[in-house]
Structures are given as C-alpha cells and as structure tokens.
Amino acid sequence: MLVISRTLSLPESELVERFLRADGPGGQHVNRTESAVELRFDVAGSSSLPEEVRARLLARRDRRLTDEGVLVIQARRFRDQARNRDDARERLVEIIRGVLVPPKKRVATQPTRASKERRLAGKQQRGKIKQTRSRKPDFE
C-alpha cells in the first residue's frame, strides 16, 4: 500500500511500473541496466480515490496526464533503480496530496474609495509629467 494520508492509501495493484534505460551519466553500465522508472497510475479508473479528489486531479492541466486519465511519472534522476522507483512514488504522493484539500473560493470584493482616489491621483500626476515633456518652449 502506498500511503497518501491517514485516510487515503493506494493499493499496489493500481500502480504500473515499467523500467527503461536511462540517459545521462553512468559510463558503459548505463547501456546495460534499466534504471529509469515509468510509473503509471490510472486516475480515471481508480477505485481507491474519492470522487472529488479524482475530479480535481483530472481537472489539473498537467502534461503528465494522458487523454485517457492516466498519470505518467518518469524518474531517472538517480543511477540505481530502487532510488528512482522511490522517487517516482514520492512524486505521485505529492501530486495527490496537492489536490486533497479543495481550493478556497475567491470572494469578490469592491475596491475601497481611498484606493480609487489613490489610483486616480497617480494617473493625474503621471499625466502632468507627460504633459511637461511634450510642450515646446517659447522663444519670443
């Protein structure tokens, strides 16, 4: 089980891991080992996620989310497979924790009278500065 919070955890059966060859440093050894990890989690088909969390996760504009609702995380930061595997799982947990708490609704407010007056005073002052630049001097 992958623990997200006290009330939410994902079963291992919902996670699909694929191991691939990583690019980057590692010498000749990098060509023989599959140390990079691609972790896939089907958000749309997950039965362990609550409906509102699933909806918020699918509504995110994330390039790691496919059109079918599968979250794909690639981890190739480290040279060994176990650390990349843990890294991918930690990143999945952070993404899900980010959508656990619903966003606060924005309360529309009106600007105060003082802020309107300050804005207009600033505009008038700026206009006066520009007016002094454009005047041509009188040589009479």
Protein backbone atom coordinates (compact mmCIF):
# COMPACT_ATOMS: atom_id res chain seq x y z
CA MET A 1 0.00 0.00 0.00
CA LEU A 2 1.17 3.49 -0.92
CA VAL A 3 0.12 5.77 1.95
CA ILE A 4 -1.06 9.23 0.88
CA SER A 5 -2.65 10.45 4.12
CA ARG A 6 -4.17 8.94 7.25
CA THR A 7 -7.42 8.24 5.44
CA LEU A 8 -6.19 7.57 1.91
CA SER A 9 -3.86 4.93 0.51
CA LEU A 10 -3.38 3.36 -2.90
CA PRO A 11 -3.07 -0.40 -3.38
CA GLU A 12 -0.01 -1.66 -5.27
CA SER A 13 -2.28 -3.26 -7.86
CA GLU A 14 -3.30 0.18 -9.20
CA LEU A 15 0.32 1.17 -9.90
CA VAL A 16 2.03 0.00 -13.08
CA GLU A 17 5.81 0.28 -13.19
CA ARG A 18 7.96 -0.06 -16.27
CA PHE A 19 11.72 0.03 -16.22
CA LEU A 20 13.71 1.59 -19.06
CA ARG A 21 17.25 2.53 -19.86
CA ALA A 22 18.15 5.93 -18.50
CA ASP A 23 20.15 8.53 -20.35
CA GLY A 24 22.88 10.58 -18.77
CA PRO A 25 26.00 9.66 -16.79
CA GLY A 26 26.87 6.12 -15.86
CA GLY A 27 29.55 5.02 -18.30
CA GLN A 28 29.22 1.71 -20.12
CA HIS A 29 26.97 0.40 -17.36
CA VAL A 30 24.15 2.75 -18.37
CA ASN A 31 23.69 0.86 -21.65
CA ARG A 32 23.06 -2.44 -19.88
CA THR A 33 20.82 -1.56 -16.95
CA GLU A 34 17.25 -0.37 -16.90
CA SER A 35 17.47 2.09 -14.04
CA ALA A 36 14.83 4.62 -15.11
CA VAL A 37 11.27 4.08 -13.89
CA GLU A 38 8.00 4.97 -15.57
CA LEU A 39 5.14 4.88 -13.06
CA ARG A 40 1.58 4.82 -14.42
CA PHE A 41 -1.49 5.44 -12.28
CA ASP A 42 -4.96 5.26 -13.82
CA VAL A 43 -6.69 8.20 -12.16
CA ALA A 44 -9.95 7.82 -14.09
CA GLY A 45 -10.27 4.11 -13.32
CA SER A 46 -9.04 4.15 -9.73
CA SER A 47 -11.49 2.80 -7.17
CA SER A 48 -9.44 3.90 -4.16
CA LEU A 49 -9.61 7.65 -4.84
CA PRO A 50 -12.63 9.59 -3.57
CA GLU A 51 -14.74 11.10 -6.35
CA GLU A 52 -13.95 14.76 -5.55
CA VAL A 53 -10.19 14.06 -5.40
CA ARG A 54 -10.37 12.20 -8.71
CA ALA A 55 -12.26 15.10 -10.32
CA ARG A 56 -9.72 17.68 -9.06
CA LEU A 57 -6.82 15.52 -10.25
CA LEU A 58 -8.33 15.08 -13.71
CA ALA A 59 -9.15 18.81 -13.93
CA ARG A 60 -5.50 19.79 -13.44
CA ARG A 61 -3.76 20.97 -16.58
CA ASP A 62 -0.81 18.63 -16.20
CA ARG A 63 1.20 17.41 -19.17
CA ARG A 64 1.84 14.12 -17.34
CA LEU A 65 -1.88 13.30 -17.53
CA THR A 66 -2.93 11.48 -20.72
CA ASP A 67 -6.25 11.88 -22.51
CA GLU A 68 -7.41 8.56 -21.03
CA GLY A 69 -6.84 9.84 -17.48
CA VAL A 70 -3.56 8.01 -16.78
CA LEU A 71 -0.90 9.86 -14.81
CA VAL A 72 2.59 9.03 -16.12
CA ILE A 73 5.62 9.87 -13.97
CA GLN A 74 9.15 9.25 -15.22
CA ALA A 75 12.01 9.07 -12.72
CA ARG A 76 15.57 8.95 -13.99
CA ARG A 77 17.32 11.27 -11.58
CA PHE A 78 19.39 8.60 -9.83
CA ARG A 79 21.65 5.87 -11.14
CA ASP A 80 20.01 2.94 -9.39
CA GLN A 81 16.55 1.57 -9.99
CA ALA A 82 15.43 1.42 -6.35
CA ARG A 83 16.04 5.14 -5.74
CA ASN A 84 14.28 6.07 -8.99
CA ARG A 85 11.35 3.85 -8.01
CA ASP A 86 11.07 5.58 -4.61
CA ASP A 87 11.40 8.99 -6.30
CA ALA A 88 8.53 8.25 -8.69
CA ARG A 89 6.30 7.06 -5.85
CA GLU A 90 7.11 10.14 -3.73
CA ARG A 91 6.24 12.42 -6.63
CA LEU A 92 2.92 10.61 -7.13
CA VAL A 93 2.14 11.04 -3.43
CA GLU A 94 2.95 14.78 -3.62
CA ILE A 95 0.69 15.26 -6.65
CA ILE A 96 -2.23 13.53 -4.93
CA ARG A 97 -1.63 15.40 -1.66
CA GLY A 98 -1.75 18.65 -3.62
CA VAL A 99 -5.37 18.02 -4.64
CA LEU A 100 -6.63 16.55 -1.35
CA VAL A 101 -7.60 19.94 0.08
CA PRO A 102 -10.21 21.72 -2.04
CA PRO A 103 -9.17 25.20 -3.21
CA LYS A 104 -10.70 28.18 -1.44
CA LYS A 105 -13.38 30.06 -3.30
CA ARG A 106 -12.42 33.61 -4.17
CA VAL A 107 -14.72 36.18 -2.61
CA ALA A 108 -15.27 39.09 -4.96
CA THR A 109 -14.70 42.46 -3.27
CA GLN A 110 -15.08 46.05 -4.36
CA PRO A 111 -12.10 48.44 -4.31
CA THR A 112 -12.24 50.94 -1.46
CA ARG A 113 -12.89 54.62 -2.05
CA ALA A 114 -9.37 55.52 -0.86
CA SER A 115 -7.76 53.06 -3.30
CA LYS A 116 -9.80 54.52 -6.18
CA GLU A 117 -8.70 58.03 -5.21
CA ARG A 118 -5.05 56.96 -4.95
CA ARG A 119 -5.24 55.38 -8.40
CA LEU A 120 -6.80 58.48 -9.95
CA ALA A 121 -4.29 60.79 -8.22
CA GLY A 122 -1.43 58.68 -9.57
CA LYS A 123 -2.90 58.86 -13.08
CA GLN A 124 -3.21 62.65 -12.85
CA GLN A 125 0.37 63.01 -11.64
CA ARG A 126 1.67 60.80 -14.43
CA GLY A 127 -0.33 62.81 -16.96
CA LYS A 128 1.20 66.06 -15.71
CA ILE A 129 4.71 64.62 -16.06
CA LYS A 130 3.99 63.60 -19.65
CA GLN A 131 2.43 66.99 -20.41
CA THR A 132 5.59 68.81 -19.36
CA ARG A 133 7.63 66.64 -21.73
CA SER A 134 5.51 67.41 -24.79
CA ARG A 135 5.35 71.21 -24.51
CA LYS A 136 7.53 73.15 -26.88
CA PRO A 137 9.45 76.05 -25.34
CA ASP A 138 8.51 79.61 -26.36
CA PHE A 139 11.43 81.59 -27.84
CA GLU A 140 9.79 85.05 -28.02
